[in-house]
């Protein structure tokens, strides 16, 4: 599809608004950010489809509906600092930068990190950093919001420790039919959680449940 502006409108109207995403900042950002620039050139015509879109290295961008609902659940304020875990080529980081004061975009794949830096060049609110996703980015902590751009098999308590008091982490927990998007929130030294909607997402590297030892 060559009319990407029309494709963006269709994505927002058909995939995002219909999923009860009402935050006008999210709708505006997803209407304006050119998703086709964050995918391989041969996949540009697929950029606005309702799917987790492959971007190389076995990684995928979250489908627009899941991404938008996670961001809405995080309740991002204009003064918030956000850690985007598994930023891949940087699409979500660009959307987040339209809403937050600062975004640290973490990626462990060198090729994807390079692509993110290129796609986000000139975006002063985003810093792309490279390191193991499961470790988060301690050097920039604490954060007001942490977004996992994929699924985790286990509760991400180590990342929750990088949250400010009052901070929120959003992710997809589990795989298959029982997977749910979950909101974690920190209050003092305690971390609570609640499911927010049913969702599936590709598993992020480093977030697989350790294999059980068999005798």
N, C-alpha and C. Protein backbone atom coordinates (compact mmCIF):
# COMPACT_ATOMS: atom_id res chain seq x y z
N UNK A 1 0.85 -1.20 0.00
CA UNK A 1 0.00 0.00 0.00
C UNK A 1 0.88 1.24 0.00
N UNK A 2 0.71 2.11 -0.93
CA UNK A 2 1.56 3.28 -1.04
C UNK A 2 1.00 4.49 -0.31
N UNK A 3 -0.29 4.55 -0.04
CA UNK A 3 -0.88 5.68 0.66
C UNK A 3 -0.80 5.41 2.15
N UNK A 4 0.38 5.67 2.72
CA UNK A 4 0.59 5.32 4.12
C UNK A 4 -0.23 6.18 5.07
N UNK A 5 -0.50 7.43 4.70
CA UNK A 5 -1.32 8.28 5.57
C UNK A 5 -2.71 7.70 5.73
N UNK A 6 -3.30 7.21 4.64
CA UNK A 6 -4.62 6.57 4.72
C UNK A 6 -4.54 5.28 5.52
N UNK A 7 -3.45 4.54 5.36
CA UNK A 7 -3.28 3.30 6.11
C UNK A 7 -3.19 3.58 7.60
N UNK A 8 -2.51 4.66 7.98
CA UNK A 8 -2.44 5.02 9.40
C UNK A 8 -3.81 5.36 9.94
N UNK A 9 -4.59 6.12 9.18
CA UNK A 9 -5.95 6.44 9.63
C UNK A 9 -6.77 5.18 9.82
N UNK A 10 -6.66 4.26 8.88
CA UNK A 10 -7.41 3.01 8.99
C UNK A 10 -6.96 2.20 10.20
N UNK A 11 -5.65 2.18 10.47
CA UNK A 11 -5.14 1.48 11.64
C UNK A 11 -5.72 2.06 12.93
N UNK A 12 -5.65 3.39 13.04
CA UNK A 12 -6.14 4.03 14.25
C UNK A 12 -7.64 3.83 14.41
N UNK A 13 -8.39 4.01 13.35
CA UNK A 13 -9.85 3.90 13.43
C UNK A 13 -10.32 2.45 13.58
N UNK A 14 -9.63 1.53 12.90
CA UNK A 14 -10.11 0.14 12.88
C UNK A 14 -9.50 -0.77 13.90
N UNK A 15 -8.31 -0.44 14.42
CA UNK A 15 -7.62 -1.32 15.36
C UNK A 15 -7.46 -0.72 16.75
N UNK A 16 -7.28 0.59 16.82
CA UNK A 16 -6.96 1.24 18.09
C UNK A 16 -8.20 1.81 18.78
N UNK A 17 -8.93 2.67 18.08
CA UNK A 17 -10.15 3.22 18.68
C UNK A 17 -11.14 2.12 19.07
N UNK A 18 -11.27 1.11 18.24
CA UNK A 18 -12.23 0.04 18.50
C UNK A 18 -11.81 -0.84 19.66
N UNK A 19 -10.58 -0.68 20.15
CA UNK A 19 -10.11 -1.45 21.31
C UNK A 19 -10.24 -0.64 22.59
N UNK A 20 -11.10 0.37 22.58
CA UNK A 20 -11.35 1.22 23.74
C UNK A 20 -10.15 2.05 24.16
N UNK A 21 -9.29 2.38 23.22
CA UNK A 21 -8.21 3.32 23.49
C UNK A 21 -8.76 4.73 23.25
N UNK A 22 -8.85 5.50 24.32
CA UNK A 22 -9.49 6.81 24.26
C UNK A 22 -8.52 7.96 24.54
N UNK A 23 -7.28 7.66 24.91
CA UNK A 23 -6.30 8.70 25.18
C UNK A 23 -5.95 9.40 23.86
N UNK A 24 -6.31 10.65 23.77
CA UNK A 24 -6.13 11.38 22.51
C UNK A 24 -4.66 11.52 22.13
N UNK A 25 -3.77 11.50 23.13
CA UNK A 25 -2.34 11.59 22.82
C UNK A 25 -1.85 10.35 22.08
N UNK A 26 -2.36 9.19 22.48
CA UNK A 26 -1.99 7.94 21.81
C UNK A 26 -2.54 7.93 20.40
N UNK A 27 -3.79 8.29 20.27
CA UNK A 27 -4.41 8.31 18.94
C UNK A 27 -3.67 9.26 18.01
N UNK A 28 -3.31 10.43 18.53
CA UNK A 28 -2.61 11.41 17.71
C UNK A 28 -1.22 10.91 17.32
N UNK A 29 -0.49 10.33 18.28
CA UNK A 29 0.85 9.84 18.00
C UNK A 29 0.84 8.72 16.97
N UNK A 30 -0.09 7.79 17.13
CA UNK A 30 -0.14 6.66 16.20
C UNK A 30 -0.66 7.10 14.83
N UNK A 31 -1.39 8.19 14.80
CA UNK A 31 -1.83 8.75 13.52
C UNK A 31 -0.67 9.42 12.79
N UNK A 32 0.26 9.98 13.56
CA UNK A 32 1.33 10.78 12.96
C UNK A 32 2.63 10.02 12.71
N UNK A 33 2.96 9.05 13.58
CA UNK A 33 4.26 8.38 13.46
C UNK A 33 4.23 7.39 12.30
N UNK A 34 5.13 7.52 11.34
CA UNK A 34 5.12 6.67 10.14
C UNK A 34 5.68 5.28 10.43
N UNK A 35 4.83 4.33 10.75
CA UNK A 35 5.26 2.99 11.14
C UNK A 35 6.05 2.29 10.03
N UNK A 36 5.77 2.67 8.79
CA UNK A 36 6.47 2.02 7.67
C UNK A 36 7.97 2.29 7.70
N UNK A 37 8.40 3.34 8.39
CA UNK A 37 9.83 3.65 8.46
C UNK A 37 10.56 2.78 9.48
N UNK A 38 9.81 2.01 10.26
CA UNK A 38 10.40 1.20 11.32
C UNK A 38 10.38 -0.29 10.98
N UNK A 39 10.09 -0.61 9.75
CA UNK A 39 10.07 -2.02 9.30
C UNK A 39 11.00 -2.15 8.10
N UNK A 40 11.45 -3.36 7.78
CA UNK A 40 12.28 -3.53 6.59
C UNK A 40 11.54 -3.03 5.35
N UNK A 41 12.25 -2.47 4.37
CA UNK A 41 11.60 -1.90 3.19
C UNK A 41 10.64 -2.86 2.50
N UNK A 42 11.01 -4.14 2.46
CA UNK A 42 10.15 -5.11 1.78
C UNK A 42 8.87 -5.39 2.55
N UNK A 43 8.79 -4.96 3.82
CA UNK A 43 7.60 -5.18 4.63
C UNK A 43 6.77 -3.91 4.81
N UNK A 44 7.14 -2.83 4.12
CA UNK A 44 6.45 -1.55 4.32
C UNK A 44 4.96 -1.66 4.05
N UNK A 45 4.57 -2.46 3.06
CA UNK A 45 3.15 -2.58 2.73
C UNK A 45 2.37 -3.31 3.81
N UNK A 46 3.07 -3.96 4.75
CA UNK A 46 2.42 -4.69 5.84
C UNK A 46 2.39 -3.89 7.13
N UNK A 47 2.94 -2.69 7.13
CA UNK A 47 3.20 -1.95 8.36
C UNK A 47 1.97 -1.68 9.20
N UNK A 48 0.80 -1.59 8.58
CA UNK A 48 -0.40 -1.19 9.30
C UNK A 48 -1.41 -2.32 9.47
N UNK A 49 -0.98 -3.54 9.24
CA UNK A 49 -1.86 -4.68 9.43
C UNK A 49 -1.96 -5.03 10.91
N UNK A 50 -2.99 -5.75 11.26
CA UNK A 50 -3.26 -6.14 12.64
C UNK A 50 -2.46 -7.40 12.97
N UNK A 51 -1.14 -7.22 13.12
CA UNK A 51 -0.28 -8.37 13.41
C UNK A 51 1.01 -7.89 14.07
N UNK A 52 1.70 -8.85 14.72
CA UNK A 52 3.03 -8.59 15.26
C UNK A 52 3.99 -8.71 14.08
N UNK A 53 4.59 -7.60 13.70
CA UNK A 53 5.28 -7.50 12.43
C UNK A 53 6.77 -7.81 12.57
N UNK A 54 7.26 -8.78 11.81
CA UNK A 54 8.66 -9.17 11.85
C UNK A 54 9.56 -8.04 11.38
N UNK A 55 10.64 -7.77 12.16
CA UNK A 55 11.59 -6.72 11.79
C UNK A 55 13.03 -7.25 11.72
N UNK A 56 13.20 -8.57 11.83
CA UNK A 56 14.53 -9.16 11.74
C UNK A 56 15.02 -9.65 13.08
N UNK A 57 16.00 -10.57 13.02
CA UNK A 57 16.57 -11.10 14.24
C UNK A 57 15.59 -11.90 15.07
N UNK A 58 14.53 -12.42 14.43
CA UNK A 58 13.52 -13.17 15.16
C UNK A 58 12.61 -12.31 16.01
N UNK A 59 12.64 -11.01 15.81
CA UNK A 59 11.86 -10.08 16.64
C UNK A 59 10.72 -9.47 15.84
N UNK A 60 9.73 -8.98 16.58
CA UNK A 60 8.53 -8.41 15.96
C UNK A 60 8.09 -7.15 16.70
N UNK A 61 7.51 -6.21 15.97
CA UNK A 61 6.82 -5.09 16.59
C UNK A 61 5.47 -5.57 17.09
N UNK A 62 5.08 -5.12 18.28
CA UNK A 62 3.76 -5.47 18.80
C UNK A 62 2.66 -4.96 17.88
N UNK A 63 1.60 -5.74 17.77
CA UNK A 63 0.47 -5.28 16.97
C UNK A 63 -0.08 -3.99 17.56
N UNK A 64 -0.59 -3.08 16.74
CA UNK A 64 -1.00 -1.76 17.21
C UNK A 64 -2.00 -1.79 18.35
N UNK A 65 -2.95 -2.70 18.31
CA UNK A 65 -3.95 -2.75 19.38
C UNK A 65 -3.32 -3.04 20.73
N UNK A 66 -2.45 -4.04 20.79
CA UNK A 66 -1.81 -4.41 22.06
C UNK A 66 -0.92 -3.28 22.55
N UNK A 67 -0.11 -2.72 21.66
CA UNK A 67 0.78 -1.63 22.06
C UNK A 67 0.00 -0.45 22.60
N UNK A 68 -1.04 -0.04 21.91
CA UNK A 68 -1.80 1.14 22.33
C UNK A 68 -2.48 0.92 23.67
N UNK A 69 -3.01 -0.28 23.91
CA UNK A 69 -3.67 -0.55 25.19
C UNK A 69 -2.68 -0.63 26.34
N UNK A 70 -1.48 -1.18 26.09
CA UNK A 70 -0.45 -1.19 27.12
C UNK A 70 -0.05 0.23 27.50
N UNK A 71 0.17 1.06 26.49
CA UNK A 71 0.57 2.44 26.76
C UNK A 71 -0.53 3.17 27.53
N UNK A 72 -1.78 2.98 27.14
CA UNK A 72 -2.88 3.64 27.85
C UNK A 72 -2.94 3.18 29.30
N UNK A 73 -2.76 1.89 29.54
CA UNK A 73 -2.83 1.36 30.91
C UNK A 73 -1.72 1.92 31.78
N UNK A 74 -0.59 2.29 31.17
CA UNK A 74 0.53 2.82 31.95
C UNK A 74 0.27 4.23 32.47
N UNK A 75 -0.69 4.92 31.89
CA UNK A 75 -1.05 6.26 32.37
C UNK A 75 0.11 7.23 32.35
N UNK A 76 0.74 7.38 31.21
CA UNK A 76 1.95 8.19 31.09
C UNK A 76 1.63 9.68 31.24
N UNK A 77 2.41 10.34 32.11
CA UNK A 77 2.29 11.78 32.30
C UNK A 77 3.38 12.49 31.49
N UNK A 78 3.16 13.76 31.16
CA UNK A 78 4.15 14.50 30.35
C UNK A 78 5.52 14.62 31.01
N UNK A 79 5.59 14.46 32.34
CA UNK A 79 6.86 14.58 33.06
C UNK A 79 7.53 13.22 33.28
N UNK A 80 6.94 12.14 32.81
CA UNK A 80 7.44 10.80 33.12
C UNK A 80 8.70 10.45 32.32
N UNK A 81 9.54 9.65 32.97
CA UNK A 81 10.67 9.00 32.30
C UNK A 81 10.29 7.54 32.06
N UNK A 82 10.49 7.07 30.85
CA UNK A 82 10.01 5.75 30.44
C UNK A 82 11.18 4.89 29.97
N UNK A 83 11.19 3.62 30.40
CA UNK A 83 12.12 2.64 29.87
C UNK A 83 11.35 1.71 28.94
N UNK A 84 11.77 1.68 27.68
CA UNK A 84 11.14 0.84 26.66
C UNK A 84 12.04 -0.38 26.46
N UNK A 85 11.62 -1.53 26.99
CA UNK A 85 12.44 -2.74 26.98
C UNK A 85 12.13 -3.57 25.73
N UNK A 86 13.16 -3.77 24.91
CA UNK A 86 12.95 -4.50 23.66
C UNK A 86 12.43 -3.57 22.59
N UNK A 87 13.10 -2.42 22.43
CA UNK A 87 12.57 -1.38 21.53
C UNK A 87 12.62 -1.78 20.06
N UNK A 88 13.39 -2.83 19.73
CA UNK A 88 13.53 -3.27 18.33
C UNK A 88 13.95 -2.10 17.46
N UNK A 89 13.16 -1.74 16.45
CA UNK A 89 13.55 -0.66 15.54
C UNK A 89 13.12 0.73 16.01
N UNK A 90 12.43 0.82 17.15
CA UNK A 90 12.16 2.12 17.75
C UNK A 90 10.79 2.71 17.55
N UNK A 91 9.85 1.96 16.96
CA UNK A 91 8.53 2.53 16.70
C UNK A 91 7.82 2.96 17.99
N UNK A 92 7.74 2.06 18.96
CA UNK A 92 7.04 2.41 20.20
C UNK A 92 7.75 3.54 20.93
N UNK A 93 9.08 3.57 20.86
CA UNK A 93 9.83 4.65 21.51
C UNK A 93 9.44 6.00 20.92
N UNK A 94 9.23 6.04 19.61
CA UNK A 94 8.80 7.29 18.98
C UNK A 94 7.40 7.69 19.43
N UNK A 95 6.50 6.72 19.54
CA UNK A 95 5.16 7.01 20.05
C UNK A 95 5.24 7.52 21.49
N UNK A 96 6.03 6.84 22.32
CA UNK A 96 6.17 7.23 23.73
C UNK A 96 6.76 8.63 23.87
N UNK A 97 7.67 8.98 22.96
CA UNK A 97 8.32 10.29 23.04
C UNK A 97 7.33 11.42 22.80
N UNK A 98 6.21 11.12 22.18
CA UNK A 98 5.17 12.14 21.97
C UNK A 98 4.39 12.40 23.26
N UNK A 99 4.59 11.54 24.28
CA UNK A 99 3.77 11.63 25.48
C UNK A 99 4.58 11.89 26.75
N UNK A 100 5.83 11.44 26.79
CA UNK A 100 6.64 11.48 27.99
C UNK A 100 7.77 12.51 27.86
N UNK A 101 8.42 12.78 28.98
CA UNK A 101 9.53 13.73 28.98
C UNK A 101 10.79 13.11 28.41
N UNK A 102 11.00 11.81 28.68
CA UNK A 102 12.24 11.14 28.27
C UNK A 102 11.96 9.65 28.09
N UNK A 103 12.57 9.06 27.08
CA UNK A 103 12.44 7.62 26.82
C UNK A 103 13.83 7.03 26.68
N UNK A 104 14.10 5.98 27.46
CA UNK A 104 15.30 5.18 27.29
C UNK A 104 14.87 3.91 26.57
N UNK A 105 15.38 3.73 25.35
CA UNK A 105 14.96 2.62 24.50
C UNK A 105 16.05 1.55 24.54
N UNK A 106 15.75 0.42 25.19
CA UNK A 106 16.74 -0.64 25.41
C UNK A 106 16.59 -1.75 24.38
N UNK A 107 17.71 -2.11 23.75
CA UNK A 107 17.72 -3.21 22.79
C UNK A 107 19.03 -3.98 22.94
N UNK A 108 18.97 -5.31 22.81
CA UNK A 108 20.19 -6.11 22.92
C UNK A 108 20.73 -6.58 21.58
N UNK A 109 19.92 -6.55 20.54
CA UNK A 109 20.36 -6.96 19.21
C UNK A 109 21.04 -5.77 18.52
N UNK A 110 22.30 -5.96 18.14
CA UNK A 110 23.08 -4.85 17.58
C UNK A 110 22.45 -4.27 16.32
N UNK A 111 21.97 -5.13 15.43
CA UNK A 111 21.38 -4.65 14.18
C UNK A 111 20.11 -3.85 14.44
N UNK A 112 19.28 -4.33 15.37
CA UNK A 112 18.05 -3.61 15.69
C UNK A 112 18.35 -2.29 16.39
N UNK A 113 19.33 -2.30 17.29
CA UNK A 113 19.70 -1.06 17.97
C UNK A 113 20.19 -0.02 16.97
N UNK A 114 20.96 -0.47 15.99
CA UNK A 114 21.45 0.44 14.96
C UNK A 114 20.29 0.99 14.14
N UNK A 115 19.34 0.12 13.80
CA UNK A 115 18.18 0.57 13.04
C UNK A 115 17.36 1.58 13.85
N UNK A 116 17.24 1.34 15.16
CA UNK A 116 16.48 2.26 16.02
C UNK A 116 17.17 3.62 16.06
N UNK A 117 18.49 3.62 16.21
CA UNK A 117 19.20 4.90 16.25
C UNK A 117 19.00 5.69 14.96
N UNK A 118 19.02 4.97 13.84
CA UNK A 118 18.82 5.64 12.55
C UNK A 118 17.41 6.20 12.44
N UNK A 119 16.41 5.37 12.79
CA UNK A 119 15.02 5.80 12.66
C UNK A 119 14.67 6.93 13.63
N UNK A 120 15.37 6.97 14.77
CA UNK A 120 15.06 7.97 15.80
C UNK A 120 16.02 9.16 15.78
N UNK A 121 16.86 9.23 14.77
CA UNK A 121 17.82 10.34 14.69
C UNK A 121 17.08 11.68 14.73
N UNK A 122 17.56 12.56 15.58
CA UNK A 122 16.93 13.87 15.71
C UNK A 122 15.84 13.93 16.76
N UNK A 123 15.47 12.76 17.32
CA UNK A 123 14.45 12.74 18.36
C UNK A 123 15.15 12.90 19.71
N UNK A 124 15.16 14.11 20.25
CA UNK A 124 15.97 14.43 21.43
C UNK A 124 15.45 13.78 22.70
N UNK A 125 14.22 13.36 22.73
CA UNK A 125 13.67 12.77 23.95
C UNK A 125 13.97 11.28 24.09
N UNK A 126 14.57 10.67 23.07
CA UNK A 126 14.84 9.23 23.10
C UNK A 126 16.34 8.98 23.08
N UNK A 127 16.78 8.10 23.99
CA UNK A 127 18.15 7.61 24.00
C UNK A 127 18.12 6.10 23.80
N UNK A 128 18.77 5.61 22.75
CA UNK A 128 18.83 4.18 22.48
C UNK A 128 20.07 3.61 23.17
N UNK A 129 19.87 2.58 23.99
CA UNK A 129 20.98 1.94 24.69
C UNK A 129 20.97 0.45 24.38
N UNK A 130 22.14 -0.19 24.51
CA UNK A 130 22.26 -1.61 24.17
C UNK A 130 22.67 -2.41 25.39
N UNK A 131 21.94 -3.50 25.64
CA UNK A 131 22.24 -4.37 26.76
C UNK A 131 21.21 -5.47 26.87
N UNK A 132 21.44 -6.45 27.75
CA UNK A 132 20.48 -7.55 27.93
C UNK A 132 19.12 -7.01 28.38
N UNK A 133 18.07 -7.42 27.70
CA UNK A 133 16.74 -6.88 27.99
C UNK A 133 16.30 -7.20 29.42
N UNK A 134 16.57 -8.42 29.87
CA UNK A 134 16.09 -8.84 31.19
C UNK A 134 16.73 -8.06 32.32
N UNK A 135 17.87 -7.40 32.06
CA UNK A 135 18.54 -6.62 33.10
C UNK A 135 17.99 -5.22 33.22
N UNK A 136 17.17 -4.80 32.26
CA UNK A 136 16.73 -3.42 32.26
C UNK A 136 17.91 -2.49 32.01
N UNK A 137 17.80 -1.25 32.49
CA UNK A 137 18.90 -0.30 32.32
C UNK A 137 19.06 0.46 33.63
N UNK A 138 19.87 -0.14 34.53
CA UNK A 138 20.03 0.39 35.88
C UNK A 138 20.62 1.79 35.85
N UNK A 139 21.49 2.06 34.88
CA UNK A 139 22.16 3.36 34.83
C UNK A 139 21.19 4.52 34.71
N UNK A 140 20.02 4.27 34.16
CA UNK A 140 19.05 5.34 33.99
C UNK A 140 17.93 5.32 35.01
N UNK A 141 17.92 4.33 35.89
CA UNK A 141 16.84 4.19 36.87
C UNK A 141 16.93 5.28 37.93
N UNK A 142 15.81 5.57 38.59
CA UNK A 142 14.50 4.92 38.48
C UNK A 142 13.64 5.54 37.37
N UNK A 143 12.64 4.75 36.95
CA UNK A 143 11.73 5.16 35.89
C UNK A 143 10.31 5.29 36.44
N UNK A 144 9.53 6.15 35.79
CA UNK A 144 8.12 6.27 36.15
C UNK A 144 7.29 5.18 35.47
N UNK A 145 7.72 4.76 34.28
CA UNK A 145 7.00 3.74 33.50
C UNK A 145 8.03 2.83 32.83
N UNK A 146 7.75 1.54 32.84
CA UNK A 146 8.52 0.58 32.06
C UNK A 146 7.55 -0.19 31.17
N UNK A 147 7.86 -0.23 29.88
CA UNK A 147 7.07 -0.98 28.90
C UNK A 147 7.90 -2.14 28.39
N UNK A 148 7.37 -3.36 28.48
CA UNK A 148 7.98 -4.52 27.84
C UNK A 148 7.31 -4.72 26.50
N UNK A 149 8.12 -4.64 25.44
CA UNK A 149 7.57 -4.80 24.09
C UNK A 149 7.54 -6.27 23.69
N UNK A 150 6.86 -7.05 24.48
CA UNK A 150 6.75 -8.47 24.22
C UNK A 150 6.29 -9.18 25.48
N UNK A 151 6.27 -10.49 25.40
CA UNK A 151 5.77 -11.29 26.51
C UNK A 151 6.91 -11.76 27.41
N UNK A 152 6.55 -12.05 28.65
CA UNK A 152 7.46 -12.66 29.61
C UNK A 152 6.77 -13.87 30.24
N UNK A 153 7.54 -14.91 30.49
CA UNK A 153 6.99 -16.11 31.13
C UNK A 153 6.86 -15.96 32.63
N UNK A 154 7.51 -14.94 33.20
CA UNK A 154 7.55 -14.81 34.66
C UNK A 154 7.34 -13.36 35.05
N UNK A 155 6.95 -13.16 36.27
CA UNK A 155 6.72 -11.82 36.78
C UNK A 155 8.05 -11.05 36.80
N UNK A 156 8.13 -9.90 36.16
CA UNK A 156 9.42 -9.19 36.01
C UNK A 156 9.79 -8.35 37.23
N UNK A 157 10.01 -9.02 38.34
CA UNK A 157 10.27 -8.31 39.59
C UNK A 157 11.58 -7.52 39.55
N UNK A 158 12.58 -8.06 38.86
CA UNK A 158 13.86 -7.33 38.79
C UNK A 158 13.67 -5.98 38.11
N UNK A 159 12.85 -5.93 37.08
CA UNK A 159 12.58 -4.66 36.42
C UNK A 159 11.72 -3.75 37.29
N UNK A 160 10.82 -4.33 38.05
CA UNK A 160 9.97 -3.51 38.93
C UNK A 160 10.81 -2.76 39.96
N UNK A 161 11.98 -3.31 40.31
CA UNK A 161 12.86 -2.63 41.26
C UNK A 161 13.50 -1.40 40.66
N UNK A 162 13.39 -1.23 39.35
CA UNK A 162 13.92 -0.04 38.69
C UNK A 162 12.86 1.05 38.55
N UNK A 163 11.69 0.83 39.14
CA UNK A 163 10.62 1.82 39.11
C UNK A 163 10.73 2.81 40.26
N UNK A 164 10.33 4.02 40.02
CA UNK A 164 10.10 5.00 41.08
C UNK A 164 8.97 4.54 41.98
N UNK A 165 8.89 5.11 43.17
CA UNK A 165 7.69 4.93 43.98
C UNK A 165 6.51 5.50 43.19
N UNK A 166 5.47 4.70 43.02
CA UNK A 166 4.34 5.11 42.19
C UNK A 166 4.50 4.75 40.74
N UNK A 167 5.63 4.11 40.39
CA UNK A 167 5.88 3.74 39.00
C UNK A 167 5.06 2.56 38.55
N UNK A 168 4.91 2.43 37.22
CA UNK A 168 4.10 1.36 36.63
C UNK A 168 4.91 0.61 35.57
N UNK A 169 4.70 -0.69 35.51
CA UNK A 169 5.28 -1.53 34.46
C UNK A 169 4.14 -2.25 33.77
N UNK A 170 4.16 -2.28 32.43
CA UNK A 170 3.13 -2.99 31.67
C UNK A 170 3.81 -4.01 30.76
N UNK A 171 3.16 -5.17 30.64
CA UNK A 171 3.73 -6.25 29.82
C UNK A 171 2.63 -7.25 29.52
N UNK A 172 2.96 -8.22 28.68
CA UNK A 172 2.11 -9.39 28.46
C UNK A 172 2.75 -10.54 29.23
N UNK A 173 1.99 -11.15 30.11
CA UNK A 173 2.49 -12.23 30.96
C UNK A 173 1.96 -13.56 30.47
N UNK A 174 2.88 -14.47 30.13
CA UNK A 174 2.50 -15.81 29.70
C UNK A 174 2.32 -15.90 28.19
N UNK A 175 2.03 -17.11 27.76
CA UNK A 175 1.84 -17.35 26.33
C UNK A 175 0.59 -18.16 26.08
N UNK A 176 0.18 -18.26 24.84
CA UNK A 176 -0.98 -19.05 24.48
C UNK A 176 -2.28 -18.41 24.92
N UNK A 177 -3.31 -19.24 25.03
CA UNK A 177 -4.66 -18.73 25.29
C UNK A 177 -4.80 -18.08 26.66
N UNK A 178 -3.94 -18.43 27.61
CA UNK A 178 -4.07 -17.87 28.95
C UNK A 178 -3.29 -16.59 29.19
N UNK A 179 -2.65 -16.06 28.16
CA UNK A 179 -1.82 -14.87 28.33
C UNK A 179 -2.68 -13.64 28.60
N UNK A 180 -2.17 -12.74 29.43
CA UNK A 180 -2.87 -11.51 29.74
C UNK A 180 -1.88 -10.35 29.84
N UNK A 181 -2.33 -9.19 29.44
CA UNK A 181 -1.57 -7.98 29.74
C UNK A 181 -1.74 -7.68 31.22
N UNK A 182 -0.64 -7.29 31.85
CA UNK A 182 -0.64 -7.06 33.30
C UNK A 182 -0.02 -5.70 33.60
N UNK A 183 -0.60 -5.01 34.57
CA UNK A 183 -0.07 -3.76 35.08
C UNK A 183 0.53 -4.02 36.46
N UNK A 184 1.82 -3.73 36.61
CA UNK A 184 2.49 -3.78 37.90
C UNK A 184 2.66 -2.35 38.39
N UNK A 185 2.55 -2.14 39.72
CA UNK A 185 2.68 -0.80 40.26
C UNK A 185 3.44 -0.88 41.58
N UNK A 186 4.35 0.06 41.75
CA UNK A 186 5.21 0.06 42.94
C UNK A 186 4.72 1.08 43.95
N UNK A 187 4.61 0.64 45.18
CA UNK A 187 4.26 1.52 46.30
C UNK A 187 5.27 1.27 47.41
N UNK A 188 6.19 2.20 47.59
CA UNK A 188 7.27 1.96 48.54
C UNK A 188 8.11 0.78 48.09
N UNK A 189 8.27 -0.18 48.96
CA UNK A 189 9.03 -1.39 48.63
C UNK A 189 8.13 -2.51 48.11
N UNK A 190 6.84 -2.27 48.07
CA UNK A 190 5.90 -3.30 47.63
C UNK A 190 5.53 -3.12 46.16
N UNK A 191 5.29 -4.24 45.49
CA UNK A 191 4.85 -4.23 44.10
C UNK A 191 3.56 -5.01 43.99
N UNK A 192 2.51 -4.36 43.52
CA UNK A 192 1.24 -5.03 43.27
C UNK A 192 1.04 -5.23 41.78
N UNK A 193 0.01 -5.97 41.43
CA UNK A 193 -0.26 -6.20 40.01
C UNK A 193 -1.74 -6.50 39.81
N UNK A 194 -2.19 -6.28 38.58
CA UNK A 194 -3.54 -6.68 38.21
C UNK A 194 -3.59 -6.92 36.71
N UNK A 195 -4.36 -7.93 36.28
CA UNK A 195 -4.54 -8.14 34.84
C UNK A 195 -5.38 -7.02 34.25
N UNK A 196 -5.09 -6.63 33.01
CA UNK A 196 -5.83 -5.51 32.42
C UNK A 196 -6.59 -5.89 31.16
N UNK A 197 -6.09 -6.84 30.38
CA UNK A 197 -6.85 -7.33 29.23
C UNK A 197 -6.18 -8.59 28.70
N UNK A 198 -6.93 -9.38 27.95
CA UNK A 198 -6.36 -10.56 27.32
C UNK A 198 -5.53 -10.15 26.12
N UNK A 199 -4.34 -10.74 26.00
CA UNK A 199 -3.44 -10.35 24.91
C UNK A 199 -2.41 -11.44 24.70
N UNK A 200 -1.88 -11.49 23.51
CA UNK A 200 -0.74 -12.34 23.21
C UNK A 200 0.35 -11.47 22.59
N UNK A 201 1.60 -11.90 22.75
CA UNK A 201 2.73 -11.17 22.19
C UNK A 201 3.89 -12.13 22.06
N UNK A 202 4.82 -11.85 21.15
CA UNK A 202 6.02 -12.68 21.03
C UNK A 202 6.85 -12.59 22.31
N UNK A 203 7.46 -13.70 22.69
CA UNK A 203 8.30 -13.76 23.88
C UNK A 203 9.58 -12.96 23.65
N UNK A 204 9.93 -12.12 24.61
CA UNK A 204 11.16 -11.34 24.52
C UNK A 204 12.36 -12.20 24.91
N UNK A 205 13.53 -11.99 24.28
CA UNK A 205 14.73 -12.69 24.70
C UNK A 205 15.05 -12.43 26.17
N UNK A 206 15.40 -13.50 26.89
CA UNK A 206 15.73 -13.36 28.30
C UNK A 206 14.54 -13.47 29.22
N UNK A 207 13.34 -13.61 28.67
CA UNK A 207 12.15 -13.65 29.51
C UNK A 207 11.43 -15.00 29.42
N UNK A 208 12.14 -16.03 28.95
CA UNK A 208 11.59 -17.39 28.96
C UNK A 208 11.76 -18.01 30.33
N UNK A 209 10.81 -18.81 30.74
CA UNK A 209 10.91 -19.51 32.02
C UNK A 209 12.07 -20.51 31.94
N UNK A 210 12.93 -20.52 32.95
CA UNK A 210 14.04 -21.49 32.93
C UNK A 210 13.53 -22.91 32.82
N UNK A 211 14.21 -23.72 32.02
CA UNK A 211 13.79 -25.12 31.85
C UNK A 211 13.95 -25.87 33.16
N UNK A 212 12.94 -26.66 33.50
CA UNK A 212 12.99 -27.47 34.73
C UNK A 212 14.01 -28.60 34.54
N UNK A 213 14.78 -28.88 35.61
CA UNK A 213 15.75 -29.96 35.54
C UNK A 213 15.03 -31.30 35.67
N UNK A 214 15.31 -32.20 34.75
CA UNK A 214 14.66 -33.51 34.77
C UNK A 214 15.68 -34.57 35.19
N UNK A 215 15.29 -35.41 36.14
CA UNK A 215 16.17 -36.50 36.59
C UNK A 215 16.09 -37.65 35.60
